[in-house]
Amino acid sequence: QVQLVESGGGLVQPGGSLRLSCLASGYTFSSYPMRWYRQAPGKERELVATIISTGGITNYADSVKGRFTISRDNAKNTVYLQMTSLKPEDTAVYYCYAYFSRALGYWGQGTQVTVSS
């Protein structure tokens, strides 16, 4: 079955950096786009970044553009989210998402990112 396991979250000071990883299994990773979402307490889940199957095209939410970078290593079945210049408002649970179609996708369990001094 499809499994997505995120890692790399934690506590970081404002201005700091973190790299999240999401290891996928149970399907042909290289055939599907991947996304990162986040959800802060009391807020709706927000799409942060997307990357196509080959990795050649990426898109970002305006709130993270220029600070976050999504990438993937299809040989390792892993998608990454490099986060720099972190702000307190980036605090959230971050989820990776395997996009199969408009009607089908799979979520990871999430990893907590807390930006605080």
Protein backbone atom coordinates (compact mmCIF):
# COMPACT_ATOMS: atom_id res chain seq x y z
CA GLN A 1 0.00 0.00 0.00
CA VAL A 2 1.03 3.61 -0.44
CA GLN A 3 3.01 5.02 2.46
CA LEU A 4 4.48 8.47 2.93
CA VAL A 5 6.73 9.14 5.90
CA GLU A 6 7.86 12.67 6.67
CA SER A 7 10.87 13.58 8.79
CA GLY A 8 13.04 16.56 9.58
CA GLY A 9 10.69 18.75 11.55
CA GLY A 10 11.61 20.38 14.84
CA LEU A 11 12.14 23.59 16.72
CA VAL A 12 14.13 26.33 15.01
CA GLN A 13 14.76 30.00 15.74
CA PRO A 14 13.43 32.71 13.44
CA GLY A 15 15.75 33.12 10.47
CA GLY A 16 16.86 29.51 10.70
CA SER A 17 16.57 26.64 8.25
CA LEU A 18 15.18 23.13 8.15
CA ARG A 19 14.96 20.43 5.51
CA LEU A 20 11.95 18.17 5.48
CA SER A 21 12.01 14.78 3.79
CA CYS A 22 9.20 12.52 2.68
CA LEU A 23 9.99 8.90 1.83
CA ALA A 24 7.40 7.25 -0.42
CA SER A 25 6.71 3.57 -0.95
CA GLY A 26 4.06 1.28 -2.40
CA TYR A 27 3.77 2.93 -5.80
CA THR A 28 5.84 4.21 -8.72
CA PHE A 29 7.10 7.41 -7.13
CA SER A 30 8.64 8.80 -10.30
CA SER A 31 5.29 8.82 -12.12
CA TYR A 32 3.40 11.30 -9.95
CA PRO A 33 3.62 14.90 -8.81
CA MET A 34 4.22 15.59 -5.14
CA ARG A 35 3.06 18.39 -2.90
CA TRP A 36 3.81 19.81 0.51
CA TYR A 37 0.99 21.24 2.58
CA ARG A 38 0.94 22.75 6.03
CA GLN A 39 -1.67 23.35 8.69
CA ALA A 40 -1.30 25.77 11.53
CA PRO A 41 -3.48 25.57 14.66
CA GLY A 42 -6.95 26.90 13.97
CA LYS A 43 -6.28 27.35 10.26
CA GLU A 44 -7.11 25.44 7.10
CA ARG A 45 -4.57 23.23 5.42
CA GLU A 46 -2.52 25.29 2.96
CA LEU A 47 -0.74 24.18 -0.20
CA VAL A 48 2.89 25.20 0.13
CA ALA A 49 4.73 23.75 -2.86
CA THR A 50 4.32 21.36 -5.77
CA ILE A 51 6.72 19.50 -8.05
CA ILE A 52 5.98 17.51 -11.16
CA SER A 53 7.02 13.89 -11.59
CA THR A 54 10.30 14.68 -13.31
CA GLY A 55 11.11 17.53 -10.98
CA GLY A 56 11.40 20.02 -13.80
CA ILE A 57 8.58 22.34 -12.75
CA THR A 58 7.82 23.64 -9.29
CA ASN A 59 5.28 26.05 -7.84
CA TYR A 60 5.06 27.82 -4.50
CA ALA A 61 2.61 29.67 -2.36
CA ASP A 62 3.32 33.39 -2.31
CA SER A 63 3.95 33.20 1.42
CA VAL A 64 7.01 30.96 0.95
CA LYS A 65 8.29 31.98 -2.48
CA GLY A 66 11.98 32.74 -2.40
CA ARG A 67 12.45 31.04 0.98
CA PHE A 68 11.36 27.43 0.40
CA THR A 69 12.57 24.98 -2.25
CA ILE A 70 10.88 21.73 -3.18
CA SER A 71 12.92 19.02 -4.84
CA ARG A 72 12.81 15.29 -5.40
CA ASP A 73 15.16 12.37 -5.87
CA ASN A 74 13.32 9.73 -7.85
CA ALA A 75 16.10 7.21 -7.29
CA LYS A 76 15.48 7.50 -3.55
CA ASN A 77 11.68 7.85 -3.70
CA THR A 78 12.01 11.01 -1.67
CA VAL A 79 10.70 14.55 -1.90
CA TYR A 80 12.27 17.38 0.07
CA LEU A 81 11.29 20.79 1.31
CA GLN A 82 14.23 23.06 2.07
CA MET A 83 13.03 25.90 4.27
CA THR A 84 15.16 28.98 4.91
CA SER A 85 14.61 32.35 6.57
CA LEU A 86 11.94 30.75 8.69
CA LYS A 87 9.37 32.95 10.40
CA PRO A 88 7.09 32.29 13.36
CA GLU A 89 4.16 32.21 10.95
CA ASP A 90 5.72 29.16 9.28
CA THR A 91 4.90 27.19 12.42
CA ALA A 92 2.62 24.32 11.39
CA VAL A 93 2.37 20.61 10.81
CA TYR A 94 3.80 19.91 7.38
CA TYR A 95 2.39 17.11 5.25
CA CYS A 96 3.59 15.58 2.03
CA TYR A 97 0.97 14.53 -0.49
CA ALA A 98 1.17 12.17 -3.45
CA TYR A 99 -1.10 13.52 -6.18
CA PHE A 100 -2.53 10.70 -8.30
CA SER A 101 -5.51 12.58 -9.75
CA ARG A 102 -8.08 15.20 -8.76
CA ALA A 103 -9.99 12.46 -6.97
CA LEU A 104 -7.14 10.44 -5.52
CA GLY A 105 -4.10 11.19 -3.44
CA TYR A 106 -2.30 10.06 -0.33
CA TRP A 107 -1.11 11.91 2.76
CA GLY A 108 1.78 11.41 5.07
CA GLN A 109 1.34 11.58 8.82
CA GLY A 110 2.84 15.05 9.12
CA THR A 111 5.85 16.54 10.86
CA GLN A 112 5.76 19.48 13.27
CA VAL A 113 7.76 22.61 12.50
CA THR A 114 7.94 25.22 15.23
CA VAL A 115 9.66 28.55 14.65
CA SER A 116 10.25 30.34 17.91
CA SER A 117 12.95 32.09 19.89
